[in-house]
Amino acid sequence: MTPPRQPATGFPTSPDVALDAVETVWSGRFPLQTVQFRQRRFDGRMSGPRSWELLRRGTAAAVLPYDPATDRVVVIEQFRLAAFAAGLPPVMTELAAGLVDGADTAEATIRREAVEEMGIELHELERIGDFLLTPGGCDELCTLFAGRVRIGEIGPDGLLGTAGLASEQEDIRVRALPAAHVIEQVLAGAYPNSVASIGLMWFAARRDWLRARWLP
């Protein structure tokens, strides 16, 4: 797998935003900038000077795999340092996701990630939408899809196996869970991962439509 591209650190132009100074204060895997700016207020005037920190992660893609024949959704579980730091259980239930590399499209990204993180192939895709994950301080914009899959043999507790890139020390557990169960769980607030919750809430509203669309 090639390393993710360095995210763009520029800004679009707008008569409603004045950028007074932009400084990249950290150039690690994801650049961190301090931005001095003014923006147009709701009353039409420009605001006074403001200062903000912005983490530049760029574009990403995620997929909610669904097998309409078995009425099961495929999710992954893995350790997240940020969840641990926030005081949450560090093993999170998630959807397969990844940063968009180089000239790849969001579709190509999720097809690659589904194989790497779940060991499954995506067939038909349904675009759910674009979501800015942390608008208070990060520019990461995630395109979310539902993807039709065919699930093979299922172990206890829906276990499909483990996956992940050894070169990145990934340790991922893959489960195929009944649709009714994940809908009940997400509506109860059991999944604090934002991308998983957005995708599963969309699925809760569109499950019957999606199943009718994808069943033979």
Foldseek 3Di string as FASTA:
>chain_A
DDQADAFDDDDDDDPFKAWPDKDFPDDDSWTKIKTWIWGQDPVGRIDDIDIAIATEPHEKEFEWEAALVQQWIKWKWFADPVCVVVVHPRTATGTQMDGAHDPHDNVVRHQVSCCQFPVWGFDDKDWDAWDQDCVRHYRYIYTYIYTYTDQDDADPPQWPAWGHDVVVVTTMTMGIGHLVVVLVCLVVVNGPPVNRSVVNVVCVVCVVVVSVVPDD
